[in-house]
Amino acid sequence: MAWNIDGLTATHGTEHFVTCAGDLVRRTQTSLKKLAREESAQGTTEYAILVGVLVVIAIIAIVAFRDKVSELWQAISSGINSL
């Protein structure tokens, strides 16, 4: 039994061809949806790691420059109170 395929239509065994093509399309869609979810989760994880690193850097900067930060807060506070 030979297949003679012209574009998306088969001249022999068309029903079997259409069924197989439909299954292939469904499996491909399912695989693409799974891939999209995995990449979305990966992107979310990367953002969470980035935010964590930025928080650590901010904490280190505040501890290292504690006196300057305290002076800055005092200046801001007195500026706001004078309004």
PDB file of N, CA and C in Angstrom:
ATOM      1  N   MET A   1       0.858  -1.169   0.000  1.00  0.00           N
ATOM      2  CA  MET A   1       0.000   0.000   0.000  1.00  0.00           C
ATOM      3  C   MET A   1       0.905   1.233   0.000  1.00  0.00           C
ATOM      4  N   ALA A   2       0.828   2.034  -0.996  1.00  0.00           N
ATOM      5  CA  ALA A   2       1.682   3.206  -1.124  1.00  0.00           C
ATOM      6  C   ALA A   2       0.876   4.474  -0.862  1.00  0.00           C
ATOM      7  N   TRP A   3       1.550   5.417  -0.265  1.00  0.00           N
ATOM      8  CA  TRP A   3       0.943   6.715  -0.023  1.00  0.00           C
ATOM      9  C   TRP A   3       1.349   7.653  -1.144  1.00  0.00           C
ATOM     10  N   ASN A   4       0.401   8.373  -1.629  1.00  0.00           N
ATOM     11  CA  ASN A   4       0.688   9.403  -2.620  1.00  0.00           C
ATOM     12  C   ASN A   4       0.194  10.705  -2.028  1.00  0.00           C
ATOM     13  N   ILE A   5       1.107  11.449  -1.443  1.00  0.00           N
ATOM     14  CA  ILE A   5       0.730  12.645  -0.700  1.00  0.00           C
ATOM     15  C   ILE A   5       0.982  13.870  -1.556  1.00  0.00           C
ATOM     16  N   ASP A   6      -0.027  14.696  -1.675  1.00  0.00           N
ATOM     17  CA  ASP A   6       0.076  15.923  -2.437  1.00  0.00           C
ATOM     18  C   ASP A   6      -0.276  17.071  -1.501  1.00  0.00           C
ATOM     19  N   GLY A   7       0.720  17.770  -0.963  1.00  0.00           N
ATOM     20  CA  GLY A   7       0.463  18.820   0.026  1.00  0.00           C
ATOM     21  C   GLY A   7      -0.023  18.202   1.320  1.00  0.00           C
ATOM     22  N   LEU A   8      -1.236  18.534   1.739  1.00  0.00           N
ATOM     23  CA  LEU A   8      -1.793  17.985   2.971  1.00  0.00           C
ATOM     24  C   LEU A   8      -2.868  16.938   2.716  1.00  0.00           C
ATOM     25  N   THR A   9      -3.077  16.554   1.463  1.00  0.00           N
ATOM     26  CA  THR A   9      -4.103  15.564   1.161  1.00  0.00           C
ATOM     27  C   THR A   9      -3.445  14.289   0.657  1.00  0.00           C
ATOM     28  N   ALA A  10      -4.034  13.174   0.994  1.00  0.00           N
ATOM     29  CA  ALA A  10      -3.519  11.881   0.541  1.00  0.00           C
ATOM     30  C   ALA A  10      -4.523  11.281  -0.427  1.00  0.00           C
ATOM     31  N   THR A  11      -4.021  10.715  -1.490  1.00  0.00           N
ATOM     32  CA  THR A  11      -4.928  10.144  -2.481  1.00  0.00           C
ATOM     33  C   THR A  11      -5.307   8.714  -2.128  1.00  0.00           C
ATOM     34  N   HIS A  12      -4.587   8.075  -1.221  1.00  0.00           N
ATOM     35  CA  HIS A  12      -4.913   6.715  -0.817  1.00  0.00           C
ATOM     36  C   HIS A  12      -4.841   6.635   0.707  1.00  0.00           C
ATOM     37  N   GLY A  13      -5.872   6.198   1.337  1.00  0.00           N
ATOM     38  CA  GLY A  13      -5.901   6.106   2.797  1.00  0.00           C
ATOM     39  C   GLY A  13      -6.047   7.468   3.458  1.00  0.00           C
ATOM     40  N   THR A  14      -6.874   8.305   2.921  1.00  0.00           N
ATOM     41  CA  THR A  14      -7.019   9.678   3.402  1.00  0.00           C
ATOM     42  C   THR A  14      -7.462   9.727   4.858  1.00  0.00           C
ATOM     43  N   GLU A  15      -8.375   8.878   5.271  1.00  0.00           N
ATOM     44  CA  GLU A  15      -8.885   8.921   6.642  1.00  0.00           C
ATOM     45  C   GLU A  15      -7.781   8.625   7.646  1.00  0.00           C
ATOM     46  N   HIS A  16      -6.950   7.633   7.331  1.00  0.00           N
ATOM     47  CA  HIS A  16      -5.849   7.303   8.238  1.00  0.00           C
ATOM     48  C   HIS A  16      -4.856   8.467   8.308  1.00  0.00           C
ATOM     49  N   PHE A  17      -4.580   9.068   7.165  1.00  0.00           N
ATOM     50  CA  PHE A  17      -3.651  10.198   7.114  1.00  0.00           C
ATOM     51  C   PHE A  17      -4.171  11.365   7.942  1.00  0.00           C
ATOM     52  N   VAL A  18      -5.446  11.681   7.802  1.00  0.00           N
ATOM     53  CA  VAL A  18      -6.039  12.799   8.539  1.00  0.00           C
ATOM     54  C   VAL A  18      -6.008  12.510  10.034  1.00  0.00           C
ATOM     55  N   THR A  19      -6.296  11.283  10.433  1.00  0.00           N
ATOM     56  CA  THR A  19      -6.263  10.913  11.847  1.00  0.00           C
ATOM     57  C   THR A  19      -4.855  11.058  12.403  1.00  0.00           C
ATOM     58  N   CYS A  20      -3.865  10.553  11.680  1.00  0.00           N
ATOM     59  CA  CYS A  20      -2.475  10.665  12.134  1.00  0.00           C
ATOM     60  C   CYS A  20      -2.034  12.124  12.201  1.00  0.00           C
ATOM     61  N   ALA A  21      -2.425  12.925  11.217  1.00  0.00           N
ATOM     62  CA  ALA A  21      -2.061  14.340  11.209  1.00  0.00           C
ATOM     63  C   ALA A  21      -2.712  15.069  12.380  1.00  0.00           C
ATOM     64  N   GLY A  22      -3.980  14.740  12.669  1.00  0.00           N
ATOM     65  CA  GLY A  22      -4.665  15.357  13.805  1.00  0.00           C
ATOM     66  C   GLY A  22      -3.995  15.008  15.122  1.00  0.00           C
ATOM     67  N   ASP A  23      -3.588  13.734  15.271  1.00  0.00           N
ATOM     68  CA  ASP A  23      -2.879  13.315  16.481  1.00  0.00           C
ATOM     69  C   ASP A  23      -1.546  14.060  16.612  1.00  0.00           C
ATOM     70  N   LEU A  24      -0.847  14.188  15.501  1.00  0.00           N
ATOM     71  CA  LEU A  24       0.433  14.884  15.513  1.00  0.00           C
ATOM     72  C   LEU A  24       0.254  16.345  15.919  1.00  0.00           C
ATOM     73  N   VAL A  25      -0.769  16.992  15.393  1.00  0.00           N
ATOM     74  CA  VAL A  25      -1.031  18.397  15.728  1.00  0.00           C
ATOM     75  C   VAL A  25      -1.354  18.528  17.216  1.00  0.00           C
ATOM     76  N   ARG A  26      -2.185  17.639  17.739  1.00  0.00           N
ATOM     77  CA  ARG A  26      -2.540  17.691  19.163  1.00  0.00           C
ATOM     78  C   ARG A  26      -1.314  17.466  20.045  1.00  0.00           C
ATOM     79  N   ARG A  27      -0.473  16.490  19.698  1.00  0.00           N
ATOM     80  CA  ARG A  27       0.731  16.231  20.489  1.00  0.00           C
ATOM     81  C   ARG A  27       1.694  17.417  20.427  1.00  0.00           C
ATOM     82  N   THR A  28       1.802  18.025  19.269  1.00  0.00           N
ATOM     83  CA  THR A  28       2.677  19.180  19.113  1.00  0.00           C
ATOM     84  C   THR A  28       2.168  20.349  19.948  1.00  0.00           C
ATOM     85  N   GLN A  29       0.867  20.601  19.917  1.00  0.00           N
ATOM     86  CA  GLN A  29       0.289  21.681  20.720  1.00  0.00           C
ATOM     87  C   GLN A  29       0.518  21.431  22.204  1.00  0.00           C
ATOM     88  N   THR A  30       0.321  20.193  22.646  1.00  0.00           N
ATOM     89  CA  THR A  30       0.525  19.853  24.051  1.00  0.00           C
ATOM     90  C   THR A  30       1.983  20.073  24.443  1.00  0.00           C
ATOM     91  N   SER A  31       2.899  19.648  23.583  1.00  0.00           N
ATOM     92  CA  SER A  31       4.324  19.826  23.870  1.00  0.00           C
ATOM     93  C   SER A  31       4.700  21.300  23.931  1.00  0.00           C
ATOM     94  N   LEU A  32       4.159  22.095  23.027  1.00  0.00           N
ATOM     95  CA  LEU A  32       4.457  23.528  23.033  1.00  0.00           C
ATOM     96  C   LEU A  32       3.899  24.210  24.276  1.00  0.00           C
ATOM     97  N   LYS A  33       2.710  23.796  24.715  1.00  0.00           N
ATOM     98  CA  LYS A  33       2.132  24.367  25.933  1.00  0.00           C
ATOM     99  C   LYS A  33       2.996  24.038  27.148  1.00  0.00           C
ATOM    100  N   LYS A  34       3.474  22.776  27.223  1.00  0.00           N
ATOM    101  CA  LYS A  34       4.345  22.383  28.332  1.00  0.00           C
ATOM    102  C   LYS A  34       5.631  23.195  28.314  1.00  0.00           C
ATOM    103  N   LEU A  35       6.199  23.367  27.139  1.00  0.00           N
ATOM    104  CA  LEU A  35       7.434  24.132  26.999  1.00  0.00           C
ATOM    105  C   LEU A  35       7.224  25.576  27.435  1.00  0.00           C
ATOM    106  N   ALA A  36       6.099  26.163  27.060  1.00  0.00           N
ATOM    107  CA  ALA A  36       5.807  27.544  27.437  1.00  0.00           C
ATOM    108  C   ALA A  36       5.684  27.677  28.956  1.00  0.00           C
ATOM    109  N   ARG A  37       5.041  26.706  29.598  1.00  0.00           N
ATOM    110  CA  ARG A  37       4.907  26.747  31.058  1.00  0.00           C
ATOM    111  C   ARG A  37       6.265  26.615  31.722  1.00  0.00           C
ATOM    112  N   GLU A  38       7.115  25.721  31.224  1.00  0.00           N
ATOM    113  CA  GLU A  38       8.433  25.525  31.809  1.00  0.00           C
ATOM    114  C   GLU A  38       9.278  26.780  31.659  1.00  0.00           C
ATOM    115  N   GLU A  39       9.226  27.435  30.503  1.00  0.00           N
ATOM    116  CA  GLU A  39      10.003  28.646  30.305  1.00  0.00           C
ATOM    117  C   GLU A  39       9.472  29.778  31.177  1.00  0.00           C
ATOM    118  N   SER A  40       8.168  29.820  31.387  1.00  0.00           N
ATOM    119  CA  SER A  40       7.583  30.842  32.250  1.00  0.00           C
ATOM    120  C   SER A  40       8.067  30.644  33.680  1.00  0.00           C
ATOM    121  N   ALA A  41       8.082  29.409  34.134  1.00  0.00           N
ATOM    122  CA  ALA A  41       8.558  29.107  35.485  1.00  0.00           C
ATOM    123  C   ALA A  41      10.038  29.437  35.608  1.00  0.00           C
ATOM    124  N   GLN A  42      10.791  29.160  34.563  1.00  0.00           N
ATOM    125  CA  GLN A  42      12.215  29.474  34.576  1.00  0.00           C
ATOM    126  C   GLN A  42      12.421  30.981  34.665  1.00  0.00           C
ATOM    127  N   GLY A  43      11.646  31.748  33.913  1.00  0.00           N
ATOM    128  CA  GLY A  43      11.755  33.203  33.962  1.00  0.00           C
ATOM    129  C   GLY A  43      11.405  33.747  35.331  1.00  0.00           C
ATOM    130  N   THR A  44      10.372  33.187  35.951  1.00  0.00           N
ATOM    131  CA  THR A  44       9.969  33.601  37.292  1.00  0.00           C
ATOM    132  C   THR A  44      11.076  33.314  38.297  1.00  0.00           C
ATOM    133  N   THR A  45      11.686  32.156  38.175  1.00  0.00           N
ATOM    134  CA  THR A  45      12.785  31.782  39.072  1.00  0.00           C
ATOM    135  C   THR A  45      13.966  32.728  38.899  1.00  0.00           C
ATOM    136  N   GLU A  46      14.281  33.067  37.661  1.00  0.00           N
ATOM    137  CA  GLU A  46      15.392  33.987  37.412  1.00  0.00           C
ATOM    138  C   GLU A  46      15.118  35.357  38.030  1.00  0.00           C
ATOM    139  N   TYR A  47      13.885  35.851  37.916  1.00  0.00           N
ATOM    140  CA  TYR A  47      13.538  37.134  38.525  1.00  0.00           C
ATOM    141  C   TYR A  47      13.630  37.055  40.047  1.00  0.00           C
ATOM    142  N   ALA A  48      13.202  35.948  40.629  1.00  0.00           N
ATOM    143  CA  ALA A  48      13.272  35.791  42.081  1.00  0.00           C
ATOM    144  C   ALA A  48      14.723  35.799  42.550  1.00  0.00           C
ATOM    145  N   ILE A  49      15.596  35.131  41.816  1.00  0.00           N
ATOM    146  CA  ILE A  49      17.016  35.116  42.169  1.00  0.00           C
ATOM    147  C   ILE A  49      17.595  36.525  42.042  1.00  0.00           C
ATOM    148  N   LEU A  50      17.236  37.228  40.987  1.00  0.00           N
ATOM    149  CA  LEU A  50      17.716  38.594  40.779  1.00  0.00           C
ATOM    150  C   LEU A  50      17.286  39.505  41.924  1.00  0.00           C
ATOM    151  N   VAL A  51      16.031  39.430  42.324  1.00  0.00           N
ATOM    152  CA  VAL A  51      15.534  40.251  43.430  1.00  0.00           C
ATOM    153  C   VAL A  51      16.273  39.899  44.715  1.00  0.00           C
ATOM    154  N   GLY A  52      16.498  38.609  44.947  1.00  0.00           N
ATOM    155  CA  GLY A  52      17.241  38.184  46.138  1.00  0.00           C
ATOM    156  C   GLY A  52      18.648  38.747  46.172  1.00  0.00           C
ATOM    157  N   VAL A  53      19.328  38.713  45.035  1.00  0.00           N
ATOM    158  CA  VAL A  53      20.685  39.264  44.961  1.00  0.00           C
ATOM    159  C   VAL A  53      20.671  40.769  45.223  1.00  0.00           C
ATOM    160  N   LEU A  54      19.702  41.466  44.657  1.00  0.00           N
ATOM    161  CA  LEU A  54      19.607  42.911  44.880  1.00  0.00           C
ATOM    162  C   LEU A  54      19.341  43.240  46.349  1.00  0.00           C
ATOM    163  N   VAL A  55      18.517  42.443  47.005  1.00  0.00           N
ATOM    164  CA  VAL A  55      18.245  42.664  48.433  1.00  0.00           C
ATOM    165  C   VAL A  55      19.516  42.462  49.249  1.00  0.00           C
ATOM    166  N   VAL A  56      20.275  41.416  48.936  1.00  0.00           N
ATOM    167  CA  VAL A  56      21.534  41.160  49.656  1.00  0.00           C
ATOM    168  C   VAL A  56      22.509  42.320  49.446  1.00  0.00           C
ATOM    169  N   ILE A  57      22.612  42.807  48.218  1.00  0.00           N
ATOM    170  CA  ILE A  57      23.497  43.939  47.932  1.00  0.00           C
ATOM    171  C   ILE A  57      23.049  45.180  48.702  1.00  0.00           C
ATOM    172  N   ALA A  58      21.748  45.417  48.764  1.00  0.00           N
ATOM    173  CA  ALA A  58      21.228  46.570  49.500  1.00  0.00           C
ATOM    174  C   ALA A  58      21.545  46.452  50.993  1.00  0.00           C
ATOM    175  N   ILE A  59      21.389  45.269  51.552  1.00  0.00           N
ATOM    176  CA  ILE A  59      21.676  45.067  52.980  1.00  0.00           C
ATOM    177  C   ILE A  59      23.161  45.297  53.253  1.00  0.00           C
ATOM    178  N   ILE A  60      24.009  44.755  52.392  1.00  0.00           N
ATOM    179  CA  ILE A  60      25.462  44.942  52.564  1.00  0.00           C
ATOM    180  C   ILE A  60      25.817  46.427  52.478  1.00  0.00           C
ATOM    181  N   ALA A  61      25.214  47.139  51.542  1.00  0.00           N
ATOM    182  CA  ALA A  61      25.495  48.570  51.389  1.00  0.00           C
ATOM    183  C   ALA A  61      25.035  49.347  52.613  1.00  0.00           C
ATOM    184  N   ILE A  62      23.879  49.015  53.154  1.00  0.00           N
ATOM    185  CA  ILE A  62      23.365  49.716  54.337  1.00  0.00           C
ATOM    186  C   ILE A  62      24.263  49.459  55.545  1.00  0.00           C
ATOM    187  N   VAL A  63      24.698  48.211  55.709  1.00  0.00           N
ATOM    188  CA  VAL A  63      25.577  47.887  56.840  1.00  0.00           C
ATOM    189  C   VAL A  63      26.930  48.582  56.669  1.00  0.00           C
ATOM    190  N   ALA A  64      27.460  48.582  55.446  1.00  0.00           N
ATOM    191  CA  ALA A  64      28.775  49.178  55.211  1.00  0.00           C
ATOM    192  C   ALA A  64      28.750  50.690  55.391  1.00  0.00           C
ATOM    193  N   PHE A  65      27.655  51.313  55.012  1.00  0.00           N
ATOM    194  CA  PHE A  65      27.556  52.775  55.083  1.00  0.00           C
ATOM    195  C   PHE A  65      26.519  53.210  56.122  1.00  0.00           C
ATOM    196  N   ARG A  66      26.486  52.526  57.249  1.00  0.00           N
ATOM    197  CA  ARG A  66      25.474  52.757  58.282  1.00  0.00           C
ATOM    198  C   ARG A  66      25.440  54.213  58.745  1.00  0.00           C
ATOM    199  N   ASP A  67      26.603  54.783  58.994  1.00  0.00           N
ATOM    200  CA  ASP A  67      26.650  56.156  59.498  1.00  0.00           C
ATOM    201  C   ASP A  67      26.116  57.140  58.458  1.00  0.00           C
ATOM    202  N   LYS A  68      26.536  56.977  57.215  1.00  0.00           N
ATOM    203  CA  LYS A  68      26.073  57.876  56.148  1.00  0.00           C
ATOM    204  C   LYS A  68      24.569  57.726  55.932  1.00  0.00           C
ATOM    205  N   VAL A  69      24.068  56.483  56.007  1.00  0.00           N
ATOM    206  CA  VAL A  69      22.630  56.250  55.832  1.00  0.00           C
ATOM    207  C   VAL A  69      21.858  56.901  56.975  1.00  0.00           C
ATOM    208  N   SER A  70      22.403  56.818  58.195  1.00  0.00           N
ATOM    209  CA  SER A  70      21.744  57.430  59.346  1.00  0.00           C
ATOM    210  C   SER A  70      21.676  58.951  59.185  1.00  0.00           C
ATOM    211  N   GLU A  71      22.781  59.546  58.727  1.00  0.00           N
ATOM    212  CA  GLU A  71      22.781  60.992  58.490  1.00  0.00           C
ATOM    213  C   GLU A  71      21.769  61.363  57.411  1.00  0.00           C
ATOM    214  N   LEU A  72      21.704  60.564  56.363  1.00  0.00           N
ATOM    215  CA  LEU A  72      20.767  60.822  55.272  1.00  0.00           C
ATOM    216  C   LEU A  72      19.330  60.760  55.776  1.00  0.00           C
ATOM    217  N   TRP A  73      18.987  59.728  56.576  1.00  0.00           N
ATOM    218  CA  TRP A  73      17.637  59.608  57.118  1.00  0.00           C
ATOM    219  C   TRP A  73      17.301  60.790  58.018  1.00  0.00           C
ATOM    220  N   GLN A  74      18.280  61.231  58.806  1.00  0.00           N
ATOM    221  CA  GLN A  74      18.052  62.386  59.676  1.00  0.00           C
ATOM    222  C   GLN A  74      17.769  63.641  58.847  1.00  0.00           C
ATOM    223  N   ALA A  75      18.517  63.817  57.770  1.00  0.00           N
ATOM    224  CA  ALA A  75      18.317  64.985  56.905  1.00  0.00           C
ATOM    225  C   ALA A  75      16.953  64.929  56.238  1.00  0.00           C
ATOM    226  N   ILE A  76      16.565  63.765  55.787  1.00  0.00           N
ATOM    227  CA  ILE A  76      15.252  63.608  55.156  1.00  0.00           C
ATOM    228  C   ILE A  76      14.146  63.881  56.171  1.00  0.00           C
ATOM    229  N   SER A  77      14.320  63.298  57.360  1.00  0.00           N
ATOM    230  CA  SER A  77      13.316  63.470  58.417  1.00  0.00           C
ATOM    231  C   SER A  77      13.160  64.942  58.803  1.00  0.00           C
ATOM    232  N   SER A  78      14.261  65.630  59.000  1.00  0.00           N
ATOM    233  CA  SER A  78      14.153  67.037  59.374  1.00  0.00           C
ATOM    234  C   SER A  78      13.587  67.874  58.222  1.00  0.00           C
ATOM    235  N   GLY A  79      13.893  67.504  56.977  1.00  0.00           N
ATOM    236  CA  GLY A  79      13.322  68.209  55.835  1.00  0.00           C
ATOM    237  C   GLY A  79      11.815  68.022  55.740  1.00  0.00           C
ATOM    238  N   ILE A  80      11.345  66.822  55.997  1.00  0.00           N
ATOM    239  CA  ILE A  80       9.908  66.548  55.965  1.00  0.00           C
ATOM    240  C   ILE A  80       9.200  67.250  57.127  1.00  0.00           C
ATOM    241  N   ASN A  81       9.825  67.231  58.315  1.00  0.00           N
ATOM    242  CA  ASN A  81       9.215  67.872  59.476  1.00  0.00           C
ATOM    243  C   ASN A  81       9.127  69.381  59.336  1.00  0.00           C
ATOM    244  N   SER A  82      10.053  69.960  58.557  1.00  0.00           N
ATOM    245  CA  SER A  82      10.036  71.415  58.394  1.00  0.00           C
ATOM    246  C   SER A  82       8.957  71.861  57.421  1.00  0.00           C
ATOM    247  N   LEU A  83       8.339  70.954  56.705  1.00  0.00           N
ATOM    248  CA  LEU A  83       7.255  71.319  55.786  1.00  0.00           C
ATOM    249  C   LEU A  83       6.054  71.611  56.607  1.00  0.00           C
TER     250      LEU A  83
END
